[in-house]
C-alpha atoms as a PDB file:
ATOM      1  CA  UNK A   1       2.253 -17.076  -3.491  1.00  0.00           C
ATOM      2  CA  UNK A   2       4.576 -18.819  -1.000  1.00  0.00           C
ATOM      3  CA  UNK A   3       3.067 -21.909   0.646  1.00  0.00           C
ATOM      4  CA  UNK A   4       3.258 -20.413   4.142  1.00  0.00           C
ATOM      5  CA  UNK A   5       0.695 -17.711   3.225  1.00  0.00           C
ATOM      6  CA  UNK A   6      -2.515 -18.723   5.011  1.00  0.00           C
ATOM      7  CA  UNK A   7      -5.008 -16.635   3.055  1.00  0.00           C
ATOM      8  CA  UNK A   8      -4.922 -14.899  -0.322  1.00  0.00           C
ATOM      9  CA  UNK A   9      -7.566 -12.238  -0.975  1.00  0.00           C
ATOM     10  CA  UNK A  10      -7.981 -10.712  -4.417  1.00  0.00           C
ATOM     11  CA  UNK A  11     -10.312  -7.716  -4.656  1.00  0.00           C
ATOM     12  CA  UNK A  12     -12.004  -7.476  -8.052  1.00  0.00           C
ATOM     13  CA  UNK A  13     -12.652  -3.775  -8.411  1.00  0.00           C
ATOM     14  CA  UNK A  14     -14.264  -3.784 -11.841  1.00  0.00           C
ATOM     15  CA  UNK A  15     -11.573  -5.743 -13.679  1.00  0.00           C
ATOM     16  CA  UNK A  16     -12.330  -6.309 -17.385  1.00  0.00           C
ATOM     17  CA  UNK A  17      -9.970  -9.257 -17.889  1.00  0.00           C
ATOM     18  CA  UNK A  18      -9.890 -12.753 -16.337  1.00  0.00           C
ATOM     19  CA  UNK A  19      -8.222 -11.690 -13.066  1.00  0.00           C
ATOM     20  CA  UNK A  20     -11.025 -12.953 -10.819  1.00  0.00           C
ATOM     21  CA  UNK A  21     -11.399 -16.236 -12.683  1.00  0.00           C
ATOM     22  CA  UNK A  22      -7.670 -17.017 -12.697  1.00  0.00           C
ATOM     23  CA  UNK A  23      -7.208 -15.989  -9.058  1.00  0.00           C
ATOM     24  CA  UNK A  24     -10.102 -18.192  -7.938  1.00  0.00           C
ATOM     25  CA  UNK A  25      -8.702 -21.145  -9.889  1.00  0.00           C
ATOM     26  CA  UNK A  26      -5.514 -20.883  -7.818  1.00  0.00           C
ATOM     27  CA  UNK A  27      -7.463 -20.894  -4.554  1.00  0.00           C
ATOM     28  CA  UNK A  28      -7.671 -17.180  -3.818  1.00  0.00           C
ATOM     29  CA  UNK A  29     -10.710 -15.727  -2.078  1.00  0.00           C
ATOM     30  CA  UNK A  30     -12.085 -13.291  -4.669  1.00  0.00           C
ATOM     31  CA  UNK A  31     -14.068 -10.364  -3.284  1.00  0.00           C
ATOM     32  CA  UNK A  32     -16.004  -8.131  -5.654  1.00  0.00           C
ATOM     33  CA  UNK A  33     -16.125  -4.437  -4.798  1.00  0.00           C
ATOM     34  CA  UNK A  34     -18.482  -2.446  -7.008  1.00  0.00           C
ATOM     35  CA  UNK A  35     -17.217   1.022  -6.045  1.00  0.00           C
ATOM     36  CA  UNK A  36     -14.106   1.774  -8.076  1.00  0.00           C
ATOM     37  CA  UNK A  37     -10.926   3.036  -6.489  1.00  0.00           C
ATOM     38  CA  UNK A  38      -7.494   1.897  -5.309  1.00  0.00           C
ATOM     39  CA  UNK A  39      -8.176   2.748  -1.691  1.00  0.00           C
ATOM     40  CA  UNK A  40     -11.661   1.297  -1.784  1.00  0.00           C
ATOM     41  CA  UNK A  41     -10.265  -2.044  -2.965  1.00  0.00           C
ATOM     42  CA  UNK A  42      -7.708  -2.121  -0.147  1.00  0.00           C
ATOM     43  CA  UNK A  43     -10.247  -1.267   2.541  1.00  0.00           C
ATOM     44  CA  UNK A  44     -12.570  -4.004   1.286  1.00  0.00           C
ATOM     45  CA  UNK A  45      -9.701  -6.467   1.428  1.00  0.00           C
ATOM     46  CA  UNK A  46      -8.834  -5.438   4.993  1.00  0.00           C
ATOM     47  CA  UNK A  47     -12.396  -6.078   6.148  1.00  0.00           C
ATOM     48  CA  UNK A  48     -12.287  -9.606   4.746  1.00  0.00           C
ATOM     49  CA  UNK A  49      -8.796 -10.445   5.986  1.00  0.00           C
ATOM     50  CA  UNK A  50      -8.772 -12.816   8.953  1.00  0.00           C
ATOM     51  CA  UNK A  51      -5.029 -13.082   9.665  1.00  0.00           C
ATOM     52  CA  UNK A  52      -3.156 -11.265  12.437  1.00  0.00           C
ATOM     53  CA  UNK A  53      -0.553 -10.024   9.932  1.00  0.00           C
ATOM     54  CA  UNK A  54      -1.506  -8.554   6.550  1.00  0.00           C
ATOM     55  CA  UNK A  55       0.803  -8.302   3.531  1.00  0.00           C
ATOM     56  CA  UNK A  56      -0.347  -6.190   0.583  1.00  0.00           C
ATOM     57  CA  UNK A  57       0.783  -5.910  -3.022  1.00  0.00           C
ATOM     58  CA  UNK A  58      -0.669  -4.876  -6.370  1.00  0.00           C
ATOM     59  CA  UNK A  59      -1.664  -7.656  -8.739  1.00  0.00           C
ATOM     60  CA  UNK A  60       0.261  -6.336 -11.750  1.00  0.00           C
ATOM     61  CA  UNK A  61       3.616  -8.143 -11.377  1.00  0.00           C
ATOM     62  CA  UNK A  62       5.413  -5.006 -10.122  1.00  0.00           C
ATOM     63  CA  UNK A  63       5.796  -6.153  -6.494  1.00  0.00           C
ATOM     64  CA  UNK A  64       7.594  -9.475  -5.867  1.00  0.00           C
ATOM     65  CA  UNK A  65       5.636 -12.196  -4.009  1.00  0.00           C
ATOM     66  CA  UNK A  66       8.923 -13.990  -3.354  1.00  0.00           C
ATOM     67  CA  UNK A  67       9.957 -11.026  -1.174  1.00  0.00           C
ATOM     68  CA  UNK A  68       7.214 -11.799   1.347  1.00  0.00           C
ATOM     69  CA  UNK A  69       9.429 -14.127   3.411  1.00  0.00           C
ATOM     70  CA  UNK A  70      12.210 -11.507   3.420  1.00  0.00           C
ATOM     71  CA  UNK A  71       9.766  -8.791   4.498  1.00  0.00           C
ATOM     72  CA  UNK A  72       8.271 -10.957   7.242  1.00  0.00           C
ATOM     73  CA  UNK A  73      11.733 -11.720   8.603  1.00  0.00           C
ATOM     74  CA  UNK A  74      12.531  -7.990   8.628  1.00  0.00           C
ATOM     75  CA  UNK A  75       9.153  -7.211  10.193  1.00  0.00           C
ATOM     76  CA  UNK A  76       9.844  -9.632  13.057  1.00  0.00           C
ATOM     77  CA  UNK A  77      13.507  -8.723  13.438  1.00  0.00           C
ATOM     78  CA  UNK A  78      12.839  -4.975  13.570  1.00  0.00           C
ATOM     79  CA  UNK A  79       9.907  -5.523  15.951  1.00  0.00           C
ATOM     80  CA  UNK A  80       7.662  -3.071  14.107  1.00  0.00           C
ATOM     81  CA  UNK A  81       3.912  -2.794  13.574  1.00  0.00           C
ATOM     82  CA  UNK A  82       4.008  -1.354  10.038  1.00  0.00           C
ATOM     83  CA  UNK A  83       6.755  -2.128   7.522  1.00  0.00           C
ATOM     84  CA  UNK A  84       6.759  -0.195   4.250  1.00  0.00           C
ATOM     85  CA  UNK A  85       8.469  -1.854   1.261  1.00  0.00           C
ATOM     86  CA  UNK A  86      10.328   0.942  -0.515  1.00  0.00           C
ATOM     87  CA  UNK A  87      10.838   0.620  -4.280  1.00  0.00           C
ATOM     88  CA  UNK A  88      13.920   2.827  -4.147  1.00  0.00           C
ATOM     89  CA  UNK A  89      16.569   2.643  -5.387  1.00  0.00           C
ATOM     90  CA  UNK A  90      14.882   1.317  -8.551  1.00  0.00           C
ATOM     91  CA  UNK A  91      17.283  -1.219 -10.105  1.00  0.00           C
ATOM     92  CA  UNK A  92      15.172  -2.105 -13.155  1.00  0.00           C
ATOM     93  CA  UNK A  93      15.237   0.927 -15.469  1.00  0.00           C
ATOM     94  CA  UNK A  94      12.071  -0.258 -17.221  1.00  0.00           C
ATOM     95  CA  UNK A  95      10.111  -0.372 -13.962  1.00  0.00           C
ATOM     96  CA  UNK A  96       9.661   3.368 -13.440  1.00  0.00           C
ATOM     97  CA  UNK A  97      10.039   6.380 -15.720  1.00  0.00           C
ATOM     98  CA  UNK A  98      11.988   9.481 -14.697  1.00  0.00           C
ATOM     99  CA  UNK A  99       8.686  11.387 -14.463  1.00  0.00           C
ATOM    100  CA  UNK A 100       7.305   8.864 -11.967  1.00  0.00           C
ATOM    101  CA  UNK A 101      10.556   8.814  -9.998  1.00  0.00           C
ATOM    102  CA  UNK A 102      10.514  12.609  -9.732  1.00  0.00           C
ATOM    103  CA  UNK A 103       6.838  12.645  -8.722  1.00  0.00           C
ATOM    104  CA  UNK A 104       7.457  10.045  -6.040  1.00  0.00           C
ATOM    105  CA  UNK A 105      10.434  12.036  -4.754  1.00  0.00           C
ATOM    106  CA  UNK A 106       8.317  15.226  -4.493  1.00  0.00           C
ATOM    107  CA  UNK A 107       5.463  13.454  -2.693  1.00  0.00           C
ATOM    108  CA  UNK A 108       7.777  11.571  -0.332  1.00  0.00           C
ATOM    109  CA  UNK A 109       9.693  14.749   0.505  1.00  0.00           C
ATOM    110  CA  UNK A 110       6.438  16.645   1.149  1.00  0.00           C
ATOM    111  CA  UNK A 111       5.166  13.852   3.391  1.00  0.00           C
ATOM    112  CA  UNK A 112       8.454  13.685   5.295  1.00  0.00           C
ATOM    113  CA  UNK A 113       8.405  17.437   5.937  1.00  0.00           C
ATOM    114  CA  UNK A 114       4.739  17.560   6.921  1.00  0.00           C
ATOM    115  CA  UNK A 115       4.919  14.613   9.321  1.00  0.00           C
ATOM    116  CA  UNK A 116       8.498  15.038  10.637  1.00  0.00           C
ATOM    117  CA  UNK A 117       9.655  11.545   9.678  1.00  0.00           C
ATOM    118  CA  UNK A 118      11.742  10.574   6.668  1.00  0.00           C
ATOM    119  CA  UNK A 119       9.749   8.337   4.307  1.00  0.00           C
ATOM    120  CA  UNK A 120      11.623   7.138   1.232  1.00  0.00           C
ATOM    121  CA  UNK A 121       8.601   5.822  -0.680  1.00  0.00           C
ATOM    122  CA  UNK A 122       5.275   7.353   0.318  1.00  0.00           C
ATOM    123  CA  UNK A 123       3.508   5.779  -2.682  1.00  0.00           C
ATOM    124  CA  UNK A 124       4.550   2.141  -2.258  1.00  0.00           C
ATOM    125  CA  UNK A 125       1.707  -0.399  -2.338  1.00  0.00           C
ATOM    126  CA  UNK A 126       3.505  -3.242  -0.550  1.00  0.00           C
ATOM    127  CA  UNK A 127       3.297  -3.294   3.243  1.00  0.00           C
ATOM    128  CA  UNK A 128       3.406  -5.705   6.179  1.00  0.00           C
ATOM    129  CA  UNK A 129       1.425  -4.750   9.255  1.00  0.00           C
ATOM    130  CA  UNK A 130      -0.516  -6.047  12.243  1.00  0.00           C
ATOM    131  CA  UNK A 131      -4.225  -6.079  11.500  1.00  0.00           C
ATOM    132  CA  UNK A 132      -4.846  -4.792  15.021  1.00  0.00           C
ATOM    133  CA  UNK A 133      -3.397  -1.349  14.233  1.00  0.00           C
ATOM    134  CA  UNK A 134      -6.312  -0.612  11.878  1.00  0.00           C
ATOM    135  CA  UNK A 135      -8.376   0.254  14.962  1.00  0.00           C
ATOM    136  CA  UNK A 136      -6.188   3.347  15.448  1.00  0.00           C
ATOM    137  CA  UNK A 137      -6.351   4.502  11.825  1.00  0.00           C
ATOM    138  CA  UNK A 138      -8.830   6.823  10.154  1.00  0.00           C
ATOM    139  CA  UNK A 139      -8.767   5.644   6.527  1.00  0.00           C
ATOM    140  CA  UNK A 140     -11.008   7.748   4.309  1.00  0.00           C
ATOM    141  CA  UNK A 141      -9.521   7.825   0.821  1.00  0.00           C
ATOM    142  CA  UNK A 142     -10.975   5.569  -1.881  1.00  0.00           C
ATOM    143  CA  UNK A 143      -8.408   6.770  -4.416  1.00  0.00           C
ATOM    144  CA  UNK A 144      -4.660   6.454  -5.081  1.00  0.00           C
ATOM    145  CA  UNK A 145      -4.051   8.721  -2.073  1.00  0.00           C
ATOM    146  CA  UNK A 146      -4.844   5.751   0.170  1.00  0.00           C
ATOM    147  CA  UNK A 147      -1.263   4.537  -0.217  1.00  0.00           C
ATOM    148  CA  UNK A 148       0.089   7.616   1.533  1.00  0.00           C
ATOM    149  CA  UNK A 149      -2.846   7.883   3.925  1.00  0.00           C
ATOM    150  CA  UNK A 150      -2.192   4.532   5.623  1.00  0.00           C
ATOM    151  CA  UNK A 151       1.439   5.548   6.199  1.00  0.00           C
ATOM    152  CA  UNK A 152       0.341   8.943   7.528  1.00  0.00           C
ATOM    153  CA  UNK A 153      -1.931   7.221  10.025  1.00  0.00           C
ATOM    154  CA  UNK A 154       0.931   4.970  11.121  1.00  0.00           C
ATOM    155  CA  UNK A 155       3.154   8.021  11.692  1.00  0.00           C
ATOM    156  CA  UNK A 156       0.376   9.905  13.501  1.00  0.00           C
ATOM    157  CA  UNK A 157       0.132   7.161  16.118  1.00  0.00           C
ATOM    158  CA  UNK A 158       3.824   6.687  16.896  1.00  0.00           C
ATOM    159  CA  UNK A 159       3.019   5.930  20.503  1.00  0.00           C
ATOM    160  CA  UNK A 160       1.097   2.829  19.367  1.00  0.00           C
ATOM    161  CA  UNK A 161       2.510   1.998  15.911  1.00  0.00           C
ATOM    162  CA  UNK A 162       6.199   1.401  15.197  1.00  0.00           C
ATOM    163  CA  UNK A 163       6.980   2.311  11.564  1.00  0.00           C
ATOM    164  CA  UNK A 164       9.964   1.268   9.431  1.00  0.00           C
ATOM    165  CA  UNK A 165      10.942   0.971   5.765  1.00  0.00           C
ATOM    166  CA  UNK A 166      13.030  -1.552   3.861  1.00  0.00           C
ATOM    167  CA  UNK A 167      13.951  -1.740   0.169  1.00  0.00           C
ATOM    168  CA  UNK A 168      12.640  -4.356  -2.280  1.00  0.00           C
ATOM    169  CA  UNK A 169      13.204  -5.191  -5.944  1.00  0.00           C
ATOM    170  CA  UNK A 170      10.579  -3.408  -8.059  1.00  0.00           C
ATOM    171  CA  UNK A 171       9.751  -4.683 -11.564  1.00  0.00           C
ATOM    172  CA  UNK A 172       7.995  -3.383 -14.659  1.00  0.00           C
ATOM    173  CA  UNK A 173       4.253  -3.900 -14.460  1.00  0.00           C
ATOM    174  CA  UNK A 174       2.025  -5.929 -16.765  1.00  0.00           C
ATOM    175  CA  UNK A 175      -1.230  -4.719 -18.286  1.00  0.00           C
ATOM    176  CA  UNK A 176      -2.804  -1.318 -18.696  1.00  0.00           C
ATOM    177  CA  UNK A 177      -1.454   1.599 -16.657  1.00  0.00           C
ATOM    178  CA  UNK A 178      -4.362   3.403 -14.977  1.00  0.00           C
ATOM    179  CA  UNK A 179      -2.295   6.043 -13.152  1.00  0.00           C
ATOM    180  CA  UNK A 180      -2.559   9.611 -14.459  1.00  0.00           C
ATOM    181  CA  UNK A 181       0.769  11.114 -13.280  1.00  0.00           C
ATOM    182  CA  UNK A 182      -0.186  14.803 -13.257  1.00  0.00           C
ATOM    183  CA  UNK A 183      -3.769  14.469 -12.019  1.00  0.00           C
ATOM    184  CA  UNK A 184      -3.003  11.858  -9.369  1.00  0.00           C
ATOM    185  CA  UNK A 185       0.253  13.551  -8.379  1.00  0.00           C
ATOM    186  CA  UNK A 186      -1.343  16.942  -7.680  1.00  0.00           C
ATOM    187  CA  UNK A 187      -4.307  15.314  -5.942  1.00  0.00           C
ATOM    188  CA  UNK A 188      -1.998  13.298  -3.682  1.00  0.00           C
ATOM    189  CA  UNK A 189      -0.007  16.425  -2.838  1.00  0.00           C
ATOM    190  CA  UNK A 190      -3.223  18.279  -1.952  1.00  0.00           C
ATOM    191  CA  UNK A 191      -4.374  15.280   0.091  1.00  0.00           C
ATOM    192  CA  UNK A 192      -1.109  15.299   2.098  1.00  0.00           C
ATOM    193  CA  UNK A 193      -1.663  18.929   3.122  1.00  0.00           C
ATOM    194  CA  UNK A 194      -5.384  18.445   3.823  1.00  0.00           C
ATOM    195  CA  UNK A 195      -4.735  15.355   5.933  1.00  0.00           C
ATOM    196  CA  UNK A 196      -2.034  17.166   7.916  1.00  0.00           C
ATOM    197  CA  UNK A 197      -4.485  19.747   9.243  1.00  0.00           C
ATOM    198  CA  UNK A 198      -7.604  17.570   9.474  1.00  0.00           C
ATOM    199  CA  UNK A 199      -8.992  16.080  12.666  1.00  0.00           C
ATOM    200  CA  UNK A 200      -8.432  12.539  13.851  1.00  0.00           C
ATOM    201  CA  UNK A 201     -11.523  11.075  12.114  1.00  0.00           C
ATOM    202  CA  UNK A 202     -13.292   7.769  12.746  1.00  0.00           C
ATOM    203  CA  UNK A 203     -11.187   4.614  13.291  1.00  0.00           C
ATOM    204  CA  UNK A 204     -11.352   2.150  10.407  1.00  0.00           C
ATOM    205  CA  UNK A 205     -12.036  -0.805  12.710  1.00  0.00           C
ATOM    206  CA  UNK A 206     -14.089  -0.514  15.929  1.00  0.00           C
END
């Protein structure tokens, strides 16, 4: 991580390797979350985060930590509240299969049509946002759908949250791939539709 990062939080969500041990040895604050799930891990991390600005990324080498300074500069220059780091166009052919590219395109197109705002990468896991905006968001998903849910909530509150996207370099991941393309893809598509017609829900932060 760049030296200017004030706090590094790693959420151990049932990892079976030495992730927690290695992260702690480098000075990260390791939080253990017993309930499995991509979204659950993120929400736990948000509750522990103390900074005014939060930057997220998966711990599998696919998102570049050295892009954090670039994203922060863009975040400040664009004067936004939520900046989504789009993985497209994918420059590294090994980073994403055609099947995953097509699935992402379908989900991003569906989200754009349902919420009347073009989103290039609805499934990206790297974002920069003001922690304060979490008080406007109803974040319910504990699963992979959380990635699109947080963007949906940003778009739903356009009067309070300014949303933008910017491209980053996306790399091939390390370790075991836990994503099930067909199962997770259809679930995320169903979640998009369900979320579109659901009520406002309870804010994540009071």
